[in-house]
Amino acid sequence: MKKTRALIALMVAIFMLSACGQPEFTYVRDKQGTTYFKVPATFTQLNAYPIELYLSGDHPNSQAAMLRTQRVWSTAFDQSAEPSVNHLLGSQDPFVYATVHQLTEEQRDTISLNRLRDFVLPVTEQMRQLYQQQATATGQPPMFNRFESISDDVLLLDNGARGVHVRFNYQIGNDVQTFDHTAILDEKGGTVSVMLIGCQSICFLQRAAEFDKIASSFKLLRLPG
């Protein structure tokens, strides 16, 4: 009996050690250490450089792309069984994209809460109209259709930092995709930190609490000095 109890205790200890060795979250900081967030460890981290090229439209060998790599940090996480940066704009599984931009002098002069809303996708009415006009001018059907605003909150943070947290739907192809977008301008007005969480609307409704935890972990950090 004593041997049996000892064996059971050993098995429980091994199980506990194994469980402790598996982290629940992946903790992330940008290269300057000013922006922090965490995602469940079940997400796969991806190289977000293709996303930067897609969003900017820059040729990878252009001077603009080279300068962008000096000013922009980004990463992405996908929970799909087959992770891909292509899931940014459409997936049955959650996708997280985060980026930190060091603003140019020109960008500092034009930054606003609406610019923060439109930092990745067209959200404000003005930007959505411009997007539709550009799609019509090129003769290409627009990718984003039937915009629906779910929530829109202004963030007033410590030390004068400010931002927005917006949630919205877009129909992309035959599916409705829900996006949760947080954008924060630091207190000096020189850096914008953005997190975009997305998955199909049904997925988002089912896992909204999980996404709220990811979004709420997205914070600015004050460095010493």
Protein backbone atom coordinates (compact mmCIF):
# COMPACT_ATOMS: atom_id res chain seq x y z
CA MET A 1 0.00 0.00 0.00
CA LYS A 2 2.82 2.40 0.90
CA LYS A 3 4.54 1.68 -2.42
CA THR A 4 1.28 2.36 -4.27
CA ARG A 5 0.79 5.67 -2.50
CA ALA A 6 4.39 6.65 -3.18
CA LEU A 7 3.95 5.80 -6.87
CA ILE A 8 0.76 7.85 -7.09
CA ALA A 9 2.47 10.81 -5.38
CA LEU A 10 5.38 10.56 -7.80
CA MET A 11 3.04 10.50 -10.81
CA VAL A 12 1.16 13.56 -9.49
CA ALA A 13 4.45 15.40 -8.96
CA ILE A 14 5.61 14.59 -12.51
CA PHE A 15 2.28 15.77 -13.90
CA MET A 16 2.48 19.02 -11.95
CA LEU A 17 6.05 19.67 -13.12
CA SER A 18 5.02 18.98 -16.70
CA ALA A 19 2.06 21.34 -16.43
CA CYS A 20 4.23 24.05 -14.87
CA GLY A 21 6.66 23.73 -17.76
CA GLN A 22 4.00 24.75 -20.29
CA PRO A 23 3.49 28.54 -20.20
CA GLU A 24 -0.06 29.80 -20.58
CA PHE A 25 0.94 32.96 -22.46
CA THR A 26 3.56 34.32 -24.81
CA TYR A 27 4.74 37.72 -23.54
CA VAL A 28 5.73 40.24 -26.19
CA ARG A 29 7.61 43.56 -26.25
CA ASP A 30 8.59 45.69 -29.22
CA LYS A 31 12.28 46.19 -29.97
CA GLN A 32 12.40 49.47 -27.99
CA GLY A 33 10.67 47.85 -25.02
CA THR A 34 7.93 50.48 -24.89
CA THR A 35 4.89 48.38 -25.85
CA TYR A 36 3.76 45.20 -24.14
CA PHE A 37 1.08 42.54 -24.59
CA LYS A 38 0.46 38.85 -24.17
CA VAL A 39 -1.28 36.18 -26.23
CA PRO A 40 -2.18 32.59 -25.38
CA ALA A 41 0.74 30.23 -25.95
CA THR A 42 -1.44 28.27 -28.39
CA PHE A 43 -0.87 31.02 -30.98
CA THR A 44 1.98 30.64 -33.47
CA GLN A 45 4.20 33.70 -33.95
CA LEU A 46 4.80 34.77 -37.57
CA ASN A 47 7.10 37.12 -39.42
CA ALA A 48 4.90 40.16 -40.09
CA TYR A 49 7.11 41.71 -42.79
CA PRO A 50 4.78 40.54 -45.63
CA ILE A 51 1.94 42.30 -43.84
CA GLU A 52 3.94 45.53 -43.73
CA LEU A 53 4.57 45.32 -47.48
CA TYR A 54 0.89 44.64 -48.15
CA LEU A 55 -0.37 47.51 -45.99
CA SER A 56 2.18 50.02 -47.24
CA GLY A 57 2.23 48.96 -50.89
CA ASP A 58 6.02 49.38 -50.89
CA HIS A 59 8.22 47.28 -53.15
CA PRO A 60 10.52 45.18 -50.90
CA ASN A 61 13.61 46.57 -52.67
CA SER A 62 12.51 50.20 -52.56
CA GLN A 63 14.03 52.95 -50.44
CA ALA A 64 10.63 53.43 -48.78
CA ALA A 65 10.59 49.80 -47.63
CA MET A 66 14.12 50.12 -46.25
CA LEU A 67 13.25 53.27 -44.32
CA ARG A 68 10.09 51.64 -43.05
CA THR A 69 12.04 48.79 -41.47
CA GLN A 70 13.97 51.40 -39.47
CA ARG A 71 10.82 53.06 -38.14
CA VAL A 72 8.37 50.17 -37.85
CA TRP A 73 8.33 47.09 -35.63
CA SER A 74 5.65 44.46 -36.06
CA THR A 75 4.72 40.89 -35.27
CA ALA A 76 1.77 38.57 -35.81
CA PHE A 77 0.21 35.54 -34.13
CA ASP A 78 -2.14 32.98 -35.66
CA GLN A 79 -4.09 30.22 -33.90
CA SER A 80 -4.87 28.35 -37.10
CA ALA A 81 -3.61 24.78 -37.53
CA GLU A 82 -1.94 26.11 -40.69
CA PRO A 83 -0.65 29.56 -39.65
CA SER A 84 -0.30 32.18 -42.38
CA VAL A 85 0.00 35.97 -42.62
CA ASN A 86 -2.79 35.74 -45.21
CA HIS A 87 -5.20 35.18 -42.32
CA LEU A 88 -4.92 38.84 -41.30
CA LEU A 89 -8.02 39.73 -43.32
CA GLY A 90 -9.98 36.50 -43.13
CA SER A 91 -9.88 33.38 -41.00
CA GLN A 92 -12.08 31.08 -38.94
CA ASP A 93 -9.38 31.24 -36.26
CA PRO A 94 -8.10 34.22 -34.25
CA PHE A 95 -5.29 36.32 -35.70
CA VAL A 96 -3.35 39.06 -33.88
CA TYR A 97 -1.26 41.72 -35.58
CA ALA A 98 0.72 44.28 -33.57
CA THR A 99 2.92 47.13 -34.78
CA VAL A 100 4.79 50.11 -33.35
CA HIS A 101 5.56 53.11 -35.60
CA GLN A 102 8.12 55.79 -34.92
CA LEU A 103 6.39 58.77 -36.57
CA THR A 104 8.09 61.12 -38.99
CA GLU A 105 7.85 64.88 -38.40
CA GLU A 106 5.15 65.11 -41.07
CA GLN A 107 3.15 62.31 -39.46
CA ARG A 108 3.43 63.94 -36.04
CA ASP A 109 1.83 67.08 -37.45
CA THR A 110 -1.16 65.21 -38.90
CA ILE A 111 -1.88 62.57 -36.24
CA SER A 112 -5.39 62.62 -34.76
CA LEU A 113 -7.87 60.25 -33.14
CA ASN A 114 -9.41 59.58 -36.55
CA ARG A 115 -5.98 58.82 -37.97
CA LEU A 116 -5.52 56.32 -35.14
CA ARG A 117 -8.85 54.72 -36.06
CA ASP A 118 -7.75 54.37 -39.70
CA PHE A 119 -4.19 53.30 -38.98
CA VAL A 120 -4.62 49.81 -40.48
CA LEU A 121 -8.06 49.56 -42.10
CA PRO A 122 -10.57 52.20 -43.25
CA VAL A 123 -12.85 52.85 -40.27
CA THR A 124 -14.00 56.48 -40.36
CA GLU A 125 -16.64 57.49 -42.89
CA GLN A 126 -14.20 59.77 -44.72
CA MET A 127 -11.61 57.04 -45.15
CA ARG A 128 -14.23 54.46 -46.18
CA GLN A 129 -15.50 56.81 -48.88
CA LEU A 130 -11.95 57.40 -50.10
CA TYR A 131 -11.33 53.65 -50.18
CA GLN A 132 -14.47 53.09 -52.28
CA GLN A 133 -13.47 55.90 -54.67
CA GLN A 134 -10.01 54.41 -55.15
CA ALA A 135 -11.48 50.95 -55.80
CA THR A 136 -13.85 52.41 -58.39
CA ALA A 137 -11.03 54.35 -60.07
CA THR A 138 -8.93 51.20 -60.47
CA GLY A 139 -11.86 49.15 -61.75
CA GLN A 140 -11.29 46.55 -59.05
CA PRO A 141 -14.13 45.38 -56.78
CA PRO A 142 -13.49 46.56 -53.20
CA MET A 143 -12.29 43.89 -50.78
CA PHE A 144 -14.02 45.50 -47.79
CA ASN A 145 -17.81 45.81 -47.89
CA ARG A 146 -20.78 46.45 -45.58
CA PHE A 147 -18.95 48.16 -42.73
CA GLU A 148 -20.66 47.85 -39.33
CA SER A 149 -19.48 49.75 -36.26
CA ILE A 150 -19.81 47.74 -33.03
CA SER A 151 -18.07 50.01 -30.51
CA ASP A 152 -15.82 53.07 -30.50
CA ASP A 153 -14.09 54.29 -27.35
CA VAL A 154 -11.52 57.02 -26.77
CA LEU A 155 -8.67 56.06 -24.43
CA LEU A 156 -7.19 58.67 -22.07
CA LEU A 157 -4.12 57.06 -20.54
CA ASP A 158 -1.42 57.92 -18.01
CA ASN A 159 0.99 60.80 -18.59
CA GLY A 160 -0.99 62.22 -21.52
CA ALA A 161 -0.96 59.20 -23.81
CA ARG A 162 -4.22 58.75 -25.70
CA GLY A 163 -5.78 56.39 -28.16
CA VAL A 164 -8.84 54.60 -29.49
CA HIS A 165 -10.37 51.16 -29.12
CA VAL A 166 -12.79 50.32 -31.91
CA ARG A 167 -14.56 47.11 -32.89
CA PHE A 168 -16.21 46.69 -36.27
CA ASN A 169 -17.33 44.24 -38.96
CA TYR A 170 -16.47 44.06 -42.63
CA GLN A 171 -17.82 41.62 -45.17
CA ILE A 172 -14.82 40.17 -46.99
CA GLY A 173 -15.83 37.80 -49.75
CA ASN A 174 -18.67 35.63 -48.44
CA ASP A 175 -17.75 35.98 -44.77
CA VAL A 176 -18.21 38.67 -42.15
CA GLN A 177 -14.98 39.40 -40.31
CA THR A 178 -14.87 41.12 -36.92
CA PHE A 179 -11.88 43.31 -36.05
CA ASP A 180 -10.85 44.66 -32.66
CA HIS A 181 -8.47 47.61 -33.13
CA THR A 182 -6.50 49.43 -30.44
CA ALA A 183 -4.20 52.33 -31.35
CA ILE A 184 -2.26 54.38 -28.79
CA LEU A 185 -0.25 57.58 -29.28
CA ASP A 186 2.44 57.97 -26.63
CA GLU A 187 2.67 61.05 -24.41
CA LYS A 188 5.40 62.61 -26.59
CA GLY A 189 3.34 62.26 -29.75
CA GLY A 190 6.13 60.39 -31.48
CA THR A 191 5.08 56.73 -31.42
CA VAL A 192 1.89 54.91 -32.36
CA SER A 193 1.32 51.39 -31.05
CA VAL A 194 -1.42 49.32 -32.70
CA MET A 195 -3.01 45.94 -32.07
CA LEU A 196 -5.53 44.38 -34.47
CA ILE A 197 -7.35 41.18 -33.50
CA GLY A 198 -9.54 39.49 -36.07
CA CYS A 199 -11.54 36.38 -36.92
CA GLN A 200 -14.90 35.57 -38.46
CA SER A 201 -17.86 37.15 -36.65
CA ILE A 202 -19.20 33.86 -35.28
CA CYS A 203 -15.78 33.03 -33.87
CA PHE A 204 -15.53 36.49 -32.33
CA LEU A 205 -18.89 36.20 -30.60
CA GLN A 206 -17.97 32.83 -29.15
CA ARG A 207 -14.56 33.95 -27.88
CA ALA A 208 -15.11 37.63 -27.11
CA ALA A 209 -13.96 37.27 -23.49
CA GLU A 210 -10.63 35.79 -24.62
CA PHE A 211 -10.10 38.59 -27.11
CA ASP A 212 -10.93 41.18 -24.44
CA LYS A 213 -8.10 39.78 -22.31
CA ILE A 214 -5.63 40.02 -25.20
CA ALA A 215 -6.69 43.58 -26.04
CA SER A 216 -6.60 44.70 -22.40
CA SER A 217 -3.01 43.43 -22.05
CA PHE A 218 -1.85 45.85 -24.77
CA LYS A 219 -0.10 48.64 -22.87
CA LEU A 220 2.65 51.23 -23.06
CA LEU A 221 5.60 50.82 -20.71
CA ARG A 222 7.58 53.68 -19.22
CA LEU A 223 11.30 53.02 -19.43
CA PRO A 224 13.67 54.24 -16.69
CA GLY A 225 15.33 57.59 -17.33
